[in-house]
Amino acid sequence: MLVAFDSLPASARVWIYQAGAMLNETQQGVIAERATAFCEQWTAHSQPLKASFKILHGRFLILAVDES
C-alpha cells in the first residue's frame, strides 16, 4: 500500500540505491512509475505493507516500509 513518505514511522526500514549517473526527468519518471507499482503490491504474509519511496537529487532512490 503506497503511503506518503513522511507518514512512515521513524522505525520504518529504509533501503537507499544510488544511480551511477544523474537521472534525467524521463528516467526519474520511469523509476517513479515502477516504484509506485512495487509499493502498491508489497506484501508480507499476504498482508499489504505501508511503503513509500523518494527520488533525491536525481540520483538516489529511497525505499521505505513500515513492517509493524
N, C-alpha and C. Protein backbone atom coordinates (compact mmCIF):
# COMPACT_ATOMS: atom_id res chain seq x y z
N MET A 1 0.84 -1.15 0.00
CA MET A 1 0.00 0.00 0.00
C MET A 1 0.90 1.23 0.00
N LEU A 2 0.77 2.03 -1.01
CA LEU A 2 1.58 3.25 -1.14
C LEU A 2 1.03 4.32 -0.21
N VAL A 3 1.90 4.89 0.61
CA VAL A 3 1.52 5.97 1.53
C VAL A 3 2.51 7.12 1.34
N ALA A 4 2.19 8.25 1.92
CA ALA A 4 3.11 9.39 1.86
C ALA A 4 4.39 9.04 2.62
N PHE A 5 5.52 9.37 2.05
CA PHE A 5 6.81 9.01 2.64
C PHE A 5 6.91 9.54 4.07
N ASP A 6 6.51 10.77 4.28
CA ASP A 6 6.64 11.40 5.60
C ASP A 6 5.67 10.84 6.63
N SER A 7 4.71 10.01 6.21
CA SER A 7 3.78 9.42 7.17
C SER A 7 4.32 8.13 7.78
N LEU A 8 5.43 7.62 7.24
CA LEU A 8 6.02 6.40 7.78
C LEU A 8 6.70 6.70 9.11
N PRO A 9 6.66 5.75 10.05
CA PRO A 9 7.28 6.00 11.36
C PRO A 9 8.80 5.97 11.28
N ALA A 10 9.43 6.51 12.31
CA ALA A 10 10.90 6.52 12.37
C ALA A 10 11.47 5.11 12.39
N SER A 11 10.66 4.13 12.77
CA SER A 11 11.12 2.73 12.83
C SER A 11 11.03 2.01 11.48
N ALA A 12 10.58 2.70 10.44
CA ALA A 12 10.45 2.08 9.11
C ALA A 12 11.82 1.62 8.62
N ARG A 13 11.82 0.51 7.89
CA ARG A 13 13.07 0.03 7.27
C ARG A 13 13.30 0.84 6.00
N VAL A 14 14.55 1.15 5.73
CA VAL A 14 14.90 2.01 4.60
C VAL A 14 16.01 1.37 3.78
N TRP A 15 15.87 1.43 2.46
CA TRP A 15 16.91 0.99 1.53
C TRP A 15 17.24 2.18 0.64
N ILE A 16 18.52 2.40 0.39
CA ILE A 16 18.95 3.50 -0.47
C ILE A 16 19.76 2.93 -1.62
N TYR A 17 19.35 3.27 -2.83
CA TYR A 17 20.03 2.82 -4.04
C TYR A 17 20.56 4.06 -4.77
N GLN A 18 21.81 3.98 -5.20
CA GLN A 18 22.44 5.11 -5.90
C GLN A 18 22.62 4.77 -7.37
N ALA A 19 22.21 5.69 -8.23
CA ALA A 19 22.44 5.53 -9.67
C ALA A 19 23.89 5.89 -9.98
N GLY A 20 24.43 5.30 -11.01
CA GLY A 20 25.81 5.57 -11.41
C GLY A 20 25.99 6.92 -12.05
N ALA A 21 24.89 7.53 -12.46
CA ALA A 21 24.93 8.85 -13.10
C ALA A 21 23.64 9.58 -12.75
N MET A 22 23.62 10.87 -12.99
CA MET A 22 22.41 11.65 -12.75
C MET A 22 21.29 11.12 -13.64
N LEU A 23 20.10 11.04 -13.09
CA LEU A 23 18.94 10.58 -13.85
C LEU A 23 18.20 11.78 -14.42
N ASN A 24 17.86 11.68 -15.71
CA ASN A 24 17.09 12.78 -16.29
C ASN A 24 15.61 12.63 -15.89
N GLU A 25 14.79 13.59 -16.26
CA GLU A 25 13.38 13.57 -15.85
C GLU A 25 12.64 12.36 -16.39
N THR A 26 12.95 11.93 -17.60
CA THR A 26 12.31 10.75 -18.17
C THR A 26 12.66 9.51 -17.35
N GLN A 27 13.92 9.34 -17.04
CA GLN A 27 14.36 8.20 -16.25
C GLN A 27 13.73 8.23 -14.85
N GLN A 28 13.68 9.40 -14.25
CA GLN A 28 13.06 9.52 -12.93
C GLN A 28 11.58 9.16 -13.00
N GLY A 29 10.91 9.54 -14.07
CA GLY A 29 9.51 9.21 -14.25
C GLY A 29 9.28 7.71 -14.35
N VAL A 30 10.13 7.03 -15.10
CA VAL A 30 10.03 5.58 -15.24
C VAL A 30 10.25 4.91 -13.89
N ILE A 31 11.27 5.35 -13.18
CA ILE A 31 11.56 4.78 -11.85
C ILE A 31 10.40 5.03 -10.90
N ALA A 32 9.83 6.23 -10.93
CA ALA A 32 8.70 6.55 -10.06
C ALA A 32 7.50 5.66 -10.37
N GLU A 33 7.22 5.42 -11.65
CA GLU A 33 6.11 4.54 -12.03
C GLU A 33 6.33 3.13 -11.50
N ARG A 34 7.53 2.61 -11.66
CA ARG A 34 7.83 1.25 -11.21
C ARG A 34 7.85 1.15 -9.69
N ALA A 35 8.40 2.16 -9.03
CA ALA A 35 8.43 2.15 -7.57
C ALA A 35 7.01 2.26 -7.00
N THR A 36 6.16 3.05 -7.64
CA THR A 36 4.77 3.15 -7.22
C THR A 36 4.09 1.80 -7.32
N ALA A 37 4.24 1.13 -8.45
CA ALA A 37 3.63 -0.19 -8.64
C ALA A 37 4.17 -1.18 -7.60
N PHE A 38 5.47 -1.14 -7.35
CA PHE A 38 6.08 -2.04 -6.37
C PHE A 38 5.50 -1.79 -4.98
N CYS A 39 5.45 -0.53 -4.56
CA CYS A 39 4.94 -0.20 -3.23
C CYS A 39 3.47 -0.58 -3.07
N GLU A 40 2.70 -0.42 -4.14
CA GLU A 40 1.28 -0.74 -4.08
C GLU A 40 1.02 -2.24 -3.92
N GLN A 41 1.96 -3.08 -4.35
CA GLN A 41 1.73 -4.52 -4.25
C GLN A 41 2.61 -5.21 -3.20
N TRP A 42 3.40 -4.45 -2.45
CA TRP A 42 4.32 -5.02 -1.46
C TRP A 42 3.51 -5.63 -0.32
N THR A 43 3.72 -6.91 -0.07
CA THR A 43 3.01 -7.62 0.99
C THR A 43 3.98 -8.47 1.80
N ALA A 44 3.52 -8.84 2.98
CA ALA A 44 4.23 -9.82 3.81
C ALA A 44 3.16 -10.71 4.42
N HIS A 45 3.30 -12.00 4.22
CA HIS A 45 2.32 -12.97 4.73
C HIS A 45 0.91 -12.62 4.23
N SER A 46 0.82 -12.24 2.98
CA SER A 46 -0.43 -11.90 2.29
C SER A 46 -1.11 -10.65 2.84
N GLN A 47 -0.39 -9.85 3.62
CA GLN A 47 -0.93 -8.60 4.15
C GLN A 47 -0.20 -7.42 3.50
N PRO A 48 -0.94 -6.39 3.07
CA PRO A 48 -0.28 -5.23 2.47
C PRO A 48 0.59 -4.50 3.49
N LEU A 49 1.71 -3.99 3.02
CA LEU A 49 2.61 -3.20 3.86
C LEU A 49 2.52 -1.74 3.46
N LYS A 50 2.65 -0.86 4.44
CA LYS A 50 2.71 0.58 4.15
C LYS A 50 4.12 0.86 3.64
N ALA A 51 4.20 1.35 2.43
CA ALA A 51 5.50 1.58 1.80
C ALA A 51 5.49 2.88 1.02
N SER A 52 6.69 3.40 0.80
CA SER A 52 6.82 4.63 0.02
C SER A 52 8.22 4.73 -0.55
N PHE A 53 8.44 5.76 -1.35
CA PHE A 53 9.75 5.98 -1.95
C PHE A 53 9.94 7.46 -2.22
N LYS A 54 11.18 7.83 -2.40
CA LYS A 54 11.56 9.17 -2.83
C LYS A 54 12.71 9.03 -3.81
N ILE A 55 12.78 9.95 -4.74
CA ILE A 55 13.97 10.09 -5.59
C ILE A 55 14.60 11.41 -5.19
N LEU A 56 15.83 11.34 -4.70
CA LEU A 56 16.50 12.54 -4.22
C LEU A 56 17.69 12.92 -5.09
N HIS A 57 17.83 14.20 -5.32
CA HIS A 57 18.98 14.76 -6.03
C HIS A 57 19.21 14.13 -7.40
N GLY A 58 18.15 13.55 -7.99
CA GLY A 58 18.28 12.96 -9.32
C GLY A 58 19.22 11.77 -9.36
N ARG A 59 19.51 11.19 -8.20
CA ARG A 59 20.49 10.12 -8.18
C ARG A 59 20.16 9.00 -7.20
N PHE A 60 19.38 9.27 -6.17
CA PHE A 60 19.12 8.29 -5.12
C PHE A 60 17.66 7.86 -5.11
N LEU A 61 17.43 6.55 -5.06
CA LEU A 61 16.09 6.01 -4.85
C LEU A 61 16.06 5.53 -3.41
N ILE A 62 15.12 6.05 -2.65
CA ILE A 62 14.97 5.65 -1.25
C ILE A 62 13.63 4.93 -1.13
N LEU A 63 13.69 3.67 -0.72
CA LEU A 63 12.50 2.86 -0.47
C LEU A 63 12.36 2.69 1.03
N ALA A 64 11.13 2.77 1.53
CA ALA A 64 10.89 2.60 2.96
C ALA A 64 9.61 1.80 3.16
N VAL A 65 9.60 1.00 4.24
CA VAL A 65 8.43 0.18 4.54
C VAL A 65 8.22 0.13 6.04
N ASP A 66 6.95 0.19 6.43
CA ASP A 66 6.55 0.03 7.83
C ASP A 66 6.15 -1.43 7.99
N GLU A 67 6.96 -2.20 8.69
CA GLU A 67 6.70 -3.63 8.87
C GLU A 67 5.84 -3.93 10.09
N SER A 68 5.43 -2.90 10.83
CA SER A 68 4.65 -3.15 12.05
C SER A 68 3.20 -3.45 11.75
